[in-house]
Amino acid sequence: MAKRNWISEIMGGQILLHSGILQQARFVLYIFVLIILYISINFGIEKSMLTERRNQKELKNLKADYTSKSSKLMYQSKRAEVEKRLFEKNSGLIVPTEPPRRILIER
């Protein structure tokens, strides 16, 4: 019979009154708020980590683009390549035959 009373107290909600849970309602509410705060902080951290991973991938792609464009520019700025492109465009510029000279001005 005692077992049946115990089950009926649990189902009827009487256990809450006898155990003092309602007396500790502020503490239970405080714990509930802490749990909600913990969950929201975890979601925020996961979101920032996802953004960081996405930015790392983008940075890796941008570094690869920079390297390829830099090497292409270095190749195009070689003297032989510049002369070749000028010749292809029928430019009137010619390659100098004598070395540059220093001009001295006396004051």
PDB file of N, CA and C in Angstrom:
ATOM      1  N   MET A   1       0.807  -1.186   0.000  1.00  0.00           N
ATOM      2  CA  MET A   1       0.000   0.000   0.000  1.00  0.00           C
ATOM      3  C   MET A   1       0.857   1.260   0.000  1.00  0.00           C
ATOM      4  N   ALA A   2       2.013   1.187   0.680  1.00  0.00           N
ATOM      5  CA  ALA A   2       2.897   2.347   0.728  1.00  0.00           C
ATOM      6  C   ALA A   2       3.459   2.655  -0.653  1.00  0.00           C
ATOM      7  N   LYS A   3       3.685   1.596  -1.428  1.00  0.00           N
ATOM      8  CA  LYS A   3       4.201   1.796  -2.779  1.00  0.00           C
ATOM      9  C   LYS A   3       3.165   2.526  -3.633  1.00  0.00           C
ATOM     10  N   ARG A   4       1.902   2.157  -3.468  1.00  0.00           N
ATOM     11  CA  ARG A   4       0.837   2.780  -4.239  1.00  0.00           C
ATOM     12  C   ARG A   4       0.689   4.251  -3.837  1.00  0.00           C
ATOM     13  N   ASN A   5       0.851   4.567  -2.569  1.00  0.00           N
ATOM     14  CA  ASN A   5       0.770   5.955  -2.115  1.00  0.00           C
ATOM     15  C   ASN A   5       1.920   6.777  -2.693  1.00  0.00           C
ATOM     16  N   TRP A   6       3.088   6.184  -2.742  1.00  0.00           N
ATOM     17  CA  TRP A   6       4.263   6.876  -3.283  1.00  0.00           C
ATOM     18  C   TRP A   6       4.048   7.214  -4.761  1.00  0.00           C
ATOM     19  N   ILE A   7       3.518   6.257  -5.525  1.00  0.00           N
ATOM     20  CA  ILE A   7       3.248   6.478  -6.948  1.00  0.00           C
ATOM     21  C   ILE A   7       2.170   7.540  -7.120  1.00  0.00           C
ATOM     22  N   SER A   8       1.140   7.491  -6.302  1.00  0.00           N
ATOM     23  CA  SER A   8       0.074   8.494  -6.429  1.00  0.00           C
ATOM     24  C   SER A   8       0.570   9.885  -6.032  1.00  0.00           C
ATOM     25  N   GLU A   9       1.502   9.965  -5.085  1.00  0.00           N
ATOM     26  CA  GLU A   9       2.081  11.266  -4.726  1.00  0.00           C
ATOM     27  C   GLU A   9       2.890  11.838  -5.883  1.00  0.00           C
ATOM     28  N   ILE A  10       3.646  10.993  -6.561  1.00  0.00           N
ATOM     29  CA  ILE A  10       4.443  11.453  -7.712  1.00  0.00           C
ATOM     30  C   ILE A  10       3.516  11.908  -8.835  1.00  0.00           C
ATOM     31  N   MET A  11       2.514  11.091  -9.154  1.00  0.00           N
ATOM     32  CA  MET A  11       1.615  11.421 -10.254  1.00  0.00           C
ATOM     33  C   MET A  11       0.730  12.627  -9.932  1.00  0.00           C
ATOM     34  N   GLY A  12       0.370  12.788  -8.692  1.00  0.00           N
ATOM     35  CA  GLY A  12      -0.514  13.878  -8.307  1.00  0.00           C
ATOM     36  C   GLY A  12       0.215  15.183  -8.049  1.00  0.00           C
ATOM     37  N   GLY A  13       1.524  15.152  -7.954  1.00  0.00           N
ATOM     38  CA  GLY A  13       2.293  16.359  -7.726  1.00  0.00           C
ATOM     39  C   GLY A  13       2.505  16.665  -6.258  1.00  0.00           C
ATOM     40  N   GLN A  14       2.058  15.805  -5.384  1.00  0.00           N
ATOM     41  CA  GLN A  14       2.221  16.030  -3.949  1.00  0.00           C
ATOM     42  C   GLN A  14       3.684  15.916  -3.528  1.00  0.00           C
ATOM     43  N   ILE A  15       4.473  15.169  -4.283  1.00  0.00           N
ATOM     44  CA  ILE A  15       5.899  15.007  -3.949  1.00  0.00           C
ATOM     45  C   ILE A  15       6.619  16.349  -3.999  1.00  0.00           C
ATOM     46  N   LEU A  16       6.146  17.234  -4.878  1.00  0.00           N
ATOM     47  CA  LEU A  16       6.774  18.548  -4.991  1.00  0.00           C
ATOM     48  C   LEU A  16       6.574  19.376  -3.727  1.00  0.00           C
ATOM     49  N   LEU A  17       5.420  19.252  -3.138  1.00  0.00           N
ATOM     50  CA  LEU A  17       5.143  20.015  -1.926  1.00  0.00           C
ATOM     51  C   LEU A  17       5.910  19.469  -0.732  1.00  0.00           C
ATOM     52  N   HIS A  18       6.010  18.156  -0.645  1.00  0.00           N
ATOM     53  CA  HIS A  18       6.670  17.539   0.501  1.00  0.00           C
ATOM     54  C   HIS A  18       8.188  17.646   0.419  1.00  0.00           C
ATOM     55  N   SER A  19       8.745  17.601  -0.780  1.00  0.00           N
ATOM     56  CA  SER A  19      10.209  17.612  -0.891  1.00  0.00           C
ATOM     57  C   SER A  19      10.789  19.025  -0.837  1.00  0.00           C
ATOM     58  N   GLY A  20       9.990  20.027  -0.956  1.00  0.00           N
ATOM     59  CA  GLY A  20      10.477  21.386  -0.829  1.00  0.00           C
ATOM     60  C   GLY A  20      10.965  21.999  -2.128  1.00  0.00           C
ATOM     61  N   ILE A  21      10.604  21.410  -3.252  1.00  0.00           N
ATOM     62  CA  ILE A  21      11.047  21.958  -4.537  1.00  0.00           C
ATOM     63  C   ILE A  21      10.400  23.318  -4.779  1.00  0.00           C
ATOM     64  N   LEU A  22       9.148  23.464  -4.385  1.00  0.00           N
ATOM     65  CA  LEU A  22       8.498  24.757  -4.570  1.00  0.00           C
ATOM     66  C   LEU A  22       9.116  25.819  -3.672  1.00  0.00           C
ATOM     67  N   GLN A  23       9.668  25.380  -2.538  1.00  0.00           N
ATOM     68  CA  GLN A  23      10.326  26.340  -1.656  1.00  0.00           C
ATOM     69  C   GLN A  23      11.649  26.816  -2.266  1.00  0.00           C
ATOM     70  N   GLN A  24      12.209  26.015  -3.128  1.00  0.00           N
ATOM     71  CA  GLN A  24      13.481  26.351  -3.773  1.00  0.00           C
ATOM     72  C   GLN A  24      13.270  26.852  -5.209  1.00  0.00           C
ATOM     73  N   ALA A  25      12.133  27.443  -5.480  1.00  0.00           N
ATOM     74  CA  ALA A  25      11.785  27.860  -6.843  1.00  0.00           C
ATOM     75  C   ALA A  25      12.775  28.886  -7.392  1.00  0.00           C
ATOM     76  N   ARG A  26      13.241  29.794  -6.579  1.00  0.00           N
ATOM     77  CA  ARG A  26      14.214  30.786  -7.059  1.00  0.00           C
ATOM     78  C   ARG A  26      15.506  30.114  -7.497  1.00  0.00           C
ATOM     79  N   PHE A  27      15.952  29.156  -6.713  1.00  0.00           N
ATOM     80  CA  PHE A  27      17.184  28.452  -7.059  1.00  0.00           C
ATOM     81  C   PHE A  27      17.005  27.655  -8.352  1.00  0.00           C
ATOM     82  N   VAL A  28      15.861  26.995  -8.497  1.00  0.00           N
ATOM     83  CA  VAL A  28      15.578  26.233  -9.718  1.00  0.00           C
ATOM     84  C   VAL A  28      15.533  27.175 -10.914  1.00  0.00           C
ATOM     85  N   LEU A  29      14.911  28.328 -10.761  1.00  0.00           N
ATOM     86  CA  LEU A  29      14.866  29.317 -11.835  1.00  0.00           C
ATOM     87  C   LEU A  29      16.273  29.815 -12.180  1.00  0.00           C
ATOM     88  N   TYR A  30      17.100  30.033 -11.167  1.00  0.00           N
ATOM     89  CA  TYR A  30      18.489  30.457 -11.371  1.00  0.00           C
ATOM     90  C   TYR A  30      19.263  29.404 -12.167  1.00  0.00           C
ATOM     91  N   ILE A  31      19.104  28.135 -11.795  1.00  0.00           N
ATOM     92  CA  ILE A  31      19.775  27.043 -12.520  1.00  0.00           C
ATOM     93  C   ILE A  31      19.271  26.998 -13.964  1.00  0.00           C
ATOM     94  N   PHE A  32      17.979  27.171 -14.164  1.00  0.00           N
ATOM     95  CA  PHE A  32      17.405  27.165 -15.503  1.00  0.00           C
ATOM     96  C   PHE A  32      17.993  28.287 -16.358  1.00  0.00           C
ATOM     97  N   VAL A  33      18.121  29.474 -15.790  1.00  0.00           N
ATOM     98  CA  VAL A  33      18.709  30.608 -16.514  1.00  0.00           C
ATOM     99  C   VAL A  33      20.169  30.322 -16.855  1.00  0.00           C
ATOM    100  N   LEU A  34      20.905  29.712 -15.925  1.00  0.00           N
ATOM    101  CA  LEU A  34      22.301  29.362 -16.203  1.00  0.00           C
ATOM    102  C   LEU A  34      22.412  28.356 -17.343  1.00  0.00           C
ATOM    103  N   ILE A  35      21.506  27.396 -17.385  1.00  0.00           N
ATOM    104  CA  ILE A  35      21.528  26.398 -18.462  1.00  0.00           C
ATOM    105  C   ILE A  35      21.241  27.068 -19.804  1.00  0.00           C
ATOM    106  N   ILE A  36      20.258  27.951 -19.850  1.00  0.00           N
ATOM    107  CA  ILE A  36      19.937  28.675 -21.091  1.00  0.00           C
ATOM    108  C   ILE A  36      21.130  29.525 -21.527  1.00  0.00           C
ATOM    109  N   LEU A  37      21.767  30.187 -20.581  1.00  0.00           N
ATOM    110  CA  LEU A  37      22.942  31.006 -20.883  1.00  0.00           C
ATOM    111  C   LEU A  37      24.082  30.148 -21.430  1.00  0.00           C
ATOM    112  N   TYR A  38      24.301  28.990 -20.835  1.00  0.00           N
ATOM    113  CA  TYR A  38      25.353  28.071 -21.284  1.00  0.00           C
ATOM    114  C   TYR A  38      25.093  27.614 -22.717  1.00  0.00           C
ATOM    115  N   ILE A  39      23.852  27.263 -23.016  1.00  0.00           N
ATOM    116  CA  ILE A  39      23.504  26.804 -24.367  1.00  0.00           C
ATOM    117  C   ILE A  39      23.693  27.929 -25.382  1.00  0.00           C
ATOM    118  N   SER A  40      23.267  29.131 -25.040  1.00  0.00           N
ATOM    119  CA  SER A  40      23.404  30.243 -25.989  1.00  0.00           C
ATOM    120  C   SER A  40      24.870  30.594 -26.228  1.00  0.00           C
ATOM    121  N   ILE A  41      25.694  30.519 -25.194  1.00  0.00           N
ATOM    122  CA  ILE A  41      27.129  30.786 -25.367  1.00  0.00           C
ATOM    123  C   ILE A  41      27.757  29.728 -26.265  1.00  0.00           C
ATOM    124  N   ASN A  42      27.367  28.464 -26.080  1.00  0.00           N
ATOM    125  CA  ASN A  42      27.904  27.396 -26.936  1.00  0.00           C
ATOM    126  C   ASN A  42      27.526  27.609 -28.394  1.00  0.00           C
ATOM    127  N   PHE A  43      26.283  28.010 -28.651  1.00  0.00           N
ATOM    128  CA  PHE A  43      25.874  28.278 -30.031  1.00  0.00           C
ATOM    129  C   PHE A  43      26.666  29.439 -30.621  1.00  0.00           C
ATOM    130  N   GLY A  44      26.911  30.461 -29.835  1.00  0.00           N
ATOM    131  CA  GLY A  44      27.701  31.599 -30.313  1.00  0.00           C
ATOM    132  C   GLY A  44      29.126  31.199 -30.649  1.00  0.00           C
ATOM    133  N   ILE A  45      29.717  30.357 -29.807  1.00  0.00           N
ATOM    134  CA  ILE A  45      31.083  29.894 -30.054  1.00  0.00           C
ATOM    135  C   ILE A  45      31.140  29.038 -31.309  1.00  0.00           C
ATOM    136  N   GLU A  46      30.165  28.151 -31.486  1.00  0.00           N
ATOM    137  CA  GLU A  46      30.140  27.315 -32.687  1.00  0.00           C
ATOM    138  C   GLU A  46      29.990  28.167 -33.945  1.00  0.00           C
ATOM    139  N   LYS A  47      29.175  29.202 -33.866  1.00  0.00           N
ATOM    140  CA  LYS A  47      28.993  30.089 -35.020  1.00  0.00           C
ATOM    141  C   LYS A  47      30.288  30.816 -35.359  1.00  0.00           C
ATOM    142  N   SER A  48      30.995  31.288 -34.334  1.00  0.00           N
ATOM    143  CA  SER A  48      32.256  31.990 -34.599  1.00  0.00           C
ATOM    144  C   SER A  48      33.320  31.035 -35.128  1.00  0.00           C
ATOM    145  N   MET A  49      33.326  29.790 -34.657  1.00  0.00           N
ATOM    146  CA  MET A  49      34.287  28.811 -35.172  1.00  0.00           C
ATOM    147  C   MET A  49      33.987  28.481 -36.629  1.00  0.00           C
ATOM    148  N   LEU A  50      32.709  28.386 -36.977  1.00  0.00           N
ATOM    149  CA  LEU A  50      32.328  28.131 -38.364  1.00  0.00           C
ATOM    150  C   LEU A  50      32.762  29.287 -39.260  1.00  0.00           C
ATOM    151  N   THR A  51      32.570  30.503 -38.788  1.00  0.00           N
ATOM    152  CA  THR A  51      33.002  31.684 -39.543  1.00  0.00           C
ATOM    153  C   THR A  51      34.514  31.695 -39.702  1.00  0.00           C
ATOM    154  N   GLU A  52      35.232  31.310 -38.650  1.00  0.00           N
ATOM    155  CA  GLU A  52      36.694  31.282 -38.721  1.00  0.00           C
ATOM    156  C   GLU A  52      37.168  30.256 -39.738  1.00  0.00           C
ATOM    157  N   ARG A  53      36.546  29.066 -39.755  1.00  0.00           N
ATOM    158  CA  ARG A  53      36.929  28.052 -40.749  1.00  0.00           C
ATOM    159  C   ARG A  53      36.664  28.549 -42.167  1.00  0.00           C
ATOM    160  N   ARG A  54      35.522  29.201 -42.361  1.00  0.00           N
ATOM    161  CA  ARG A  54      35.183  29.732 -43.682  1.00  0.00           C
ATOM    162  C   ARG A  54      36.197  30.793 -44.105  1.00  0.00           C
ATOM    163  N   ASN A  55      36.589  31.654 -43.169  1.00  0.00           N
ATOM    164  CA  ASN A  55      37.574  32.690 -43.476  1.00  0.00           C
ATOM    165  C   ASN A  55      38.946  32.093 -43.765  1.00  0.00           C
ATOM    166  N   GLN A  56      39.311  31.015 -43.070  1.00  0.00           N
ATOM    167  CA  GLN A  56      40.594  30.360 -43.331  1.00  0.00           C
ATOM    168  C   GLN A  56      40.624  29.790 -44.752  1.00  0.00           C
ATOM    169  N   LYS A  57      39.519  29.185 -45.182  1.00  0.00           N
ATOM    170  CA  LYS A  57      39.462  28.656 -46.550  1.00  0.00           C
ATOM    171  C   LYS A  57      39.578  29.787 -47.569  1.00  0.00           C
ATOM    172  N   GLU A  58      38.872  30.882 -47.316  1.00  0.00           N
ATOM    173  CA  GLU A  58      38.922  32.033 -48.224  1.00  0.00           C
ATOM    174  C   GLU A  58      40.330  32.619 -48.280  1.00  0.00           C
ATOM    175  N   LEU A  59      40.984  32.698 -47.129  1.00  0.00           N
ATOM    176  CA  LEU A  59      42.346  33.221 -47.075  1.00  0.00           C
ATOM    177  C   LEU A  59      43.302  32.325 -47.854  1.00  0.00           C
ATOM    178  N   LYS A  60      43.119  31.019 -47.742  1.00  0.00           N
ATOM    179  CA  LYS A  60      43.968  30.078 -48.481  1.00  0.00           C
ATOM    180  C   LYS A  60      43.793  30.274 -49.989  1.00  0.00           C
ATOM    181  N   ASN A  61      42.543  30.445 -50.428  1.00  0.00           N
ATOM    182  CA  ASN A  61      42.287  30.675 -51.853  1.00  0.00           C
ATOM    183  C   ASN A  61      42.878  32.004 -52.318  1.00  0.00           C
ATOM    184  N   LEU A  62      42.754  33.032 -51.495  1.00  0.00           N
ATOM    185  CA  LEU A  62      43.304  34.337 -51.870  1.00  0.00           C
ATOM    186  C   LEU A  62      44.830  34.308 -51.937  1.00  0.00           C
ATOM    187  N   LYS A  63      45.469  33.554 -51.038  1.00  0.00           N
ATOM    188  CA  LYS A  63      46.928  33.425 -51.090  1.00  0.00           C
ATOM    189  C   LYS A  63      47.362  32.725 -52.369  1.00  0.00           C
ATOM    190  N   ALA A  64      46.618  31.697 -52.769  1.00  0.00           N
ATOM    191  CA  ALA A  64      46.946  30.997 -54.014  1.00  0.00           C
ATOM    192  C   ALA A  64      46.785  31.933 -55.211  1.00  0.00           C
ATOM    193  N   ASP A  65      45.715  32.724 -55.232  1.00  0.00           N
ATOM    194  CA  ASP A  65      45.517  33.689 -56.319  1.00  0.00           C
ATOM    195  C   ASP A  65      46.638  34.719 -56.351  1.00  0.00           C
ATOM    196  N   TYR A  66      47.017  35.215 -55.177  1.00  0.00           N
ATOM    197  CA  TYR A  66      48.089  36.205 -55.096  1.00  0.00           C
ATOM    198  C   TYR A  66      49.391  35.630 -55.642  1.00  0.00           C
ATOM    199  N   THR A  67      49.708  34.401 -55.265  1.00  0.00           N
ATOM    200  CA  THR A  67      50.952  33.780 -55.718  1.00  0.00           C
ATOM    201  C   THR A  67      50.955  33.613 -57.234  1.00  0.00           C
ATOM    202  N   SER A  68      49.843  33.141 -57.788  1.00  0.00           N
ATOM    203  CA  SER A  68      49.804  32.929 -59.239  1.00  0.00           C
ATOM    204  C   SER A  68      49.875  34.260 -59.996  1.00  0.00           C
ATOM    205  N   LYS A  69      49.162  35.271 -59.523  1.00  0.00           N
ATOM    206  CA  LYS A  69      49.193  36.568 -60.207  1.00  0.00           C
ATOM    207  C   LYS A  69      50.550  37.241 -60.057  1.00  0.00           C
ATOM    208  N   SER A  70      51.181  37.067 -58.911  1.00  0.00           N
ATOM    209  CA  SER A  70      52.502  37.656 -58.693  1.00  0.00           C
ATOM    210  C   SER A  70      53.533  37.022 -59.621  1.00  0.00           C
ATOM    211  N   SER A  71      53.482  35.697 -59.755  1.00  0.00           N
ATOM    212  CA  SER A  71      54.446  35.041 -60.642  1.00  0.00           C
ATOM    213  C   SER A  71      54.189  35.424 -62.099  1.00  0.00           C
ATOM    214  N   LYS A  72      52.919  35.563 -62.481  1.00  0.00           N
ATOM    215  CA  LYS A  72      52.599  35.974 -63.849  1.00  0.00           C
ATOM    216  C   LYS A  72      53.119  37.385 -64.122  1.00  0.00           C
ATOM    217  N   LEU A  73      52.951  38.284 -63.164  1.00  0.00           N
ATOM    218  CA  LEU A  73      53.436  39.655 -63.315  1.00  0.00           C
ATOM    219  C   LEU A  73      54.960  39.695 -63.390  1.00  0.00           C
ATOM    220  N   MET A  74      55.635  38.899 -62.574  1.00  0.00           N
ATOM    221  CA  MET A  74      57.100  38.854 -62.617  1.00  0.00           C
ATOM    222  C   MET A  74      57.581  38.352 -63.980  1.00  0.00           C
ATOM    223  N   TYR A  75      56.872  37.362 -64.535  1.00  0.00           N
ATOM    224  CA  TYR A  75      57.248  36.842 -65.840  1.00  0.00           C
ATOM    225  C   TYR A  75      57.033  37.900 -66.921  1.00  0.00           C
ATOM    226  N   GLN A  76      55.915  38.627 -66.849  1.00  0.00           N
ATOM    227  CA  GLN A  76      55.613  39.627 -67.869  1.00  0.00           C
ATOM    228  C   GLN A  76      56.508  40.854 -67.769  1.00  0.00           C
ATOM    229  N   SER A  77      57.117  41.084 -66.617  1.00  0.00           N
ATOM    230  CA  SER A  77      57.946  42.277 -66.474  1.00  0.00           C
ATOM    231  C   SER A  77      59.417  42.016 -66.814  1.00  0.00           C
ATOM    232  N   LYS A  78      59.742  40.792 -67.217  1.00  0.00           N
ATOM    233  CA  LYS A  78      61.119  40.535 -67.659  1.00  0.00           C
ATOM    234  C   LYS A  78      61.380  41.313 -68.946  1.00  0.00           C
ATOM    235  N   ARG A  79      62.627  41.693 -69.139  1.00  0.00           N
ATOM    236  CA  ARG A  79      62.978  42.538 -70.283  1.00  0.00           C
ATOM    237  C   ARG A  79      62.641  41.869 -71.613  1.00  0.00           C
ATOM    238  N   ALA A  80      62.922  40.587 -71.722  1.00  0.00           N
ATOM    239  CA  ALA A  80      62.657  39.885 -72.977  1.00  0.00           C
ATOM    240  C   ALA A  80      61.156  39.856 -73.281  1.00  0.00           C
ATOM    241  N   GLU A  81      60.344  39.675 -72.265  1.00  0.00           N
ATOM    242  CA  GLU A  81      58.897  39.652 -72.471  1.00  0.00           C
ATOM    243  C   GLU A  81      58.372  41.030 -72.862  1.00  0.00           C
ATOM    244  N   VAL A  82      58.914  42.077 -72.248  1.00  0.00           N
ATOM    245  CA  VAL A  82      58.490  43.438 -72.589  1.00  0.00           C
ATOM    246  C   VAL A  82      58.852  43.739 -74.036  1.00  0.00           C
ATOM    247  N   GLU A  83      60.062  43.372 -74.440  1.00  0.00           N
ATOM    248  CA  GLU A  83      60.482  43.598 -75.827  1.00  0.00           C
ATOM    249  C   GLU A  83      59.603  42.818 -76.793  1.00  0.00           C
ATOM    250  N   LYS A  84      59.269  41.593 -76.432  1.00  0.00           N
ATOM    251  CA  LYS A  84      58.441  40.760 -77.296  1.00  0.00           C
ATOM    252  C   LYS A  84      57.044  41.371 -77.468  1.00  0.00           C
ATOM    253  N   ARG A  85      56.455  41.853 -76.386  1.00  0.00           N
ATOM    254  CA  ARG A  85      55.125  42.460 -76.478  1.00  0.00           C
ATOM    255  C   ARG A  85      55.164  43.774 -77.259  1.00  0.00           C
ATOM    256  N   LEU A  86      56.232  44.559 -77.087  1.00  0.00           N
ATOM    257  CA  LEU A  86      56.353  45.800 -77.853  1.00  0.00           C
ATOM    258  C   LEU A  86      56.479  45.505 -79.344  1.00  0.00           C
ATOM    259  N   PHE A  87      57.225  44.461 -79.693  1.00  0.00           N
ATOM    260  CA  PHE A  87      57.395  44.082 -81.091  1.00  0.00           C
ATOM    261  C   PHE A  87      56.063  43.606 -81.677  1.00  0.00           C
ATOM    262  N   GLU A  88      55.292  42.844 -80.887  1.00  0.00           N
ATOM    263  CA  GLU A  88      54.005  42.336 -81.368  1.00  0.00           C
ATOM    264  C   GLU A  88      53.010  43.470 -81.621  1.00  0.00           C
ATOM    265  N   LYS A  89      53.096  44.542 -80.860  1.00  0.00           N
ATOM    266  CA  LYS A  89      52.157  45.656 -81.001  1.00  0.00           C
ATOM    267  C   LYS A  89      52.674  46.714 -81.982  1.00  0.00           C
ATOM    268  N   ASN A  90      53.783  46.428 -82.661  1.00  0.00           N
ATOM    269  CA  ASN A  90      54.391  47.339 -83.634  1.00  0.00           C
ATOM    270  C   ASN A  90      54.679  48.706 -83.023  1.00  0.00           C
ATOM    271  N   SER A  91      55.272  48.697 -81.862  1.00  0.00           N
ATOM    272  CA  SER A  91      55.627  49.939 -81.187  1.00  0.00           C
ATOM    273  C   SER A  91      56.871  50.524 -81.843  1.00  0.00           C
ATOM    274  N   GLY A  92      57.006  51.819 -81.779  1.00  0.00           N
ATOM    275  CA  GLY A  92      58.152  52.485 -82.384  1.00  0.00           C
ATOM    276  C   GLY A  92      59.383  52.454 -81.490  1.00  0.00           C
ATOM    277  N   LEU A  93      59.269  51.900 -80.310  1.00  0.00           N
ATOM    278  CA  LEU A  93      60.414  51.847 -79.401  1.00  0.00           C
ATOM    279  C   LEU A  93      61.418  50.809 -79.868  1.00  0.00           C
ATOM    280  N   ILE A  94      62.690  51.154 -79.716  1.00  0.00           N
ATOM    281  CA  ILE A  94      63.747  50.210 -80.078  1.00  0.00           C
ATOM    282  C   ILE A  94      64.632  49.995 -78.862  1.00  0.00           C
ATOM    283  N   VAL A  95      65.357  48.916 -78.898  1.00  0.00           N
ATOM    284  CA  VAL A  95      66.256  48.588 -77.795  1.00  0.00           C
ATOM    285  C   VAL A  95      67.481  49.487 -77.896  1.00  0.00           C
ATOM    286  N   PRO A  96      67.887  50.140 -76.804  1.00  0.00           N
ATOM    287  CA  PRO A  96      69.076  50.998 -76.871  1.00  0.00           C
ATOM    288  C   PRO A  96      70.330  50.162 -77.136  1.00  0.00           C
ATOM    289  N   THR A  97      71.208  50.715 -77.957  1.00  0.00           N
ATOM    290  CA  THR A  97      72.434  49.988 -78.298  1.00  0.00           C
ATOM    291  C   THR A  97      73.605  50.410 -77.431  1.00  0.00           C
ATOM    292  N   GLU A  98      73.569  51.592 -76.873  1.00  0.00           N
ATOM    293  CA  GLU A  98      74.659  52.039 -76.007  1.00  0.00           C
ATOM    294  C   GLU A  98      74.155  52.153 -74.572  1.00  0.00           C
ATOM    295  N   PRO A  99      75.037  51.947 -73.621  1.00  0.00           N
ATOM    296  CA  PRO A  99      74.623  51.977 -72.217  1.00  0.00           C
ATOM    297  C   PRO A  99      74.217  53.390 -71.790  1.00  0.00           C
ATOM    298  N   PRO A 100      73.482  53.508 -70.735  1.00  0.00           N
ATOM    299  CA  PRO A 100      73.075  54.838 -70.269  1.00  0.00           C
ATOM    300  C   PRO A 100      74.270  55.629 -69.762  1.00  0.00           C
ATOM    301  N   ARG A 101      74.197  56.962 -69.895  1.00  0.00           N
ATOM    302  CA  ARG A 101      75.280  57.828 -69.425  1.00  0.00           C
ATOM    303  C   ARG A 101      74.764  58.707 -68.309  1.00  0.00           C
ATOM    304  N   ARG A 102      75.662  59.054 -67.423  1.00  0.00           N
ATOM    305  CA  ARG A 102      75.316  59.931 -66.317  1.00  0.00           C
ATOM    306  C   ARG A 102      75.512  61.371 -66.775  1.00  0.00           C
ATOM    307  N   ILE A 103      74.540  62.193 -66.508  1.00  0.00           N
ATOM    308  CA  ILE A 103      74.625  63.608 -66.871  1.00  0.00           C
ATOM    309  C   ILE A 103      74.964  64.385 -65.613  1.00  0.00           C
ATOM    310  N   LEU A 104      76.069  65.113 -65.658  1.00  0.00           N
ATOM    311  CA  LEU A 104      76.494  65.913 -64.511  1.00  0.00           C
ATOM    312  C   LEU A 104      76.186  67.373 -64.773  1.00  0.00           C
ATOM    313  N   ILE A 105      75.579  68.014 -63.816  1.00  0.00           N
ATOM    314  CA  ILE A 105      75.263  69.436 -63.917  1.00  0.00           C
ATOM    315  C   ILE A 105      76.055  70.154 -62.841  1.00  0.00           C
ATOM    316  N   GLU A 106      76.830  71.153 -63.265  1.00  0.00           N
ATOM    317  CA  GLU A 106      77.614  71.913 -62.293  1.00  0.00           C
ATOM    318  C   GLU A 106      76.809  73.115 -61.848  1.00  0.00           C
ATOM    319  N   ARG A 107      76.852  73.408 -60.587  1.00  0.00           N
ATOM    320  CA  ARG A 107      76.106  74.554 -60.056  1.00  0.00           C
ATOM    321  C   ARG A 107      77.009  75.679 -59.726  1.00  0.00           C
TER     322      ARG A 107
END
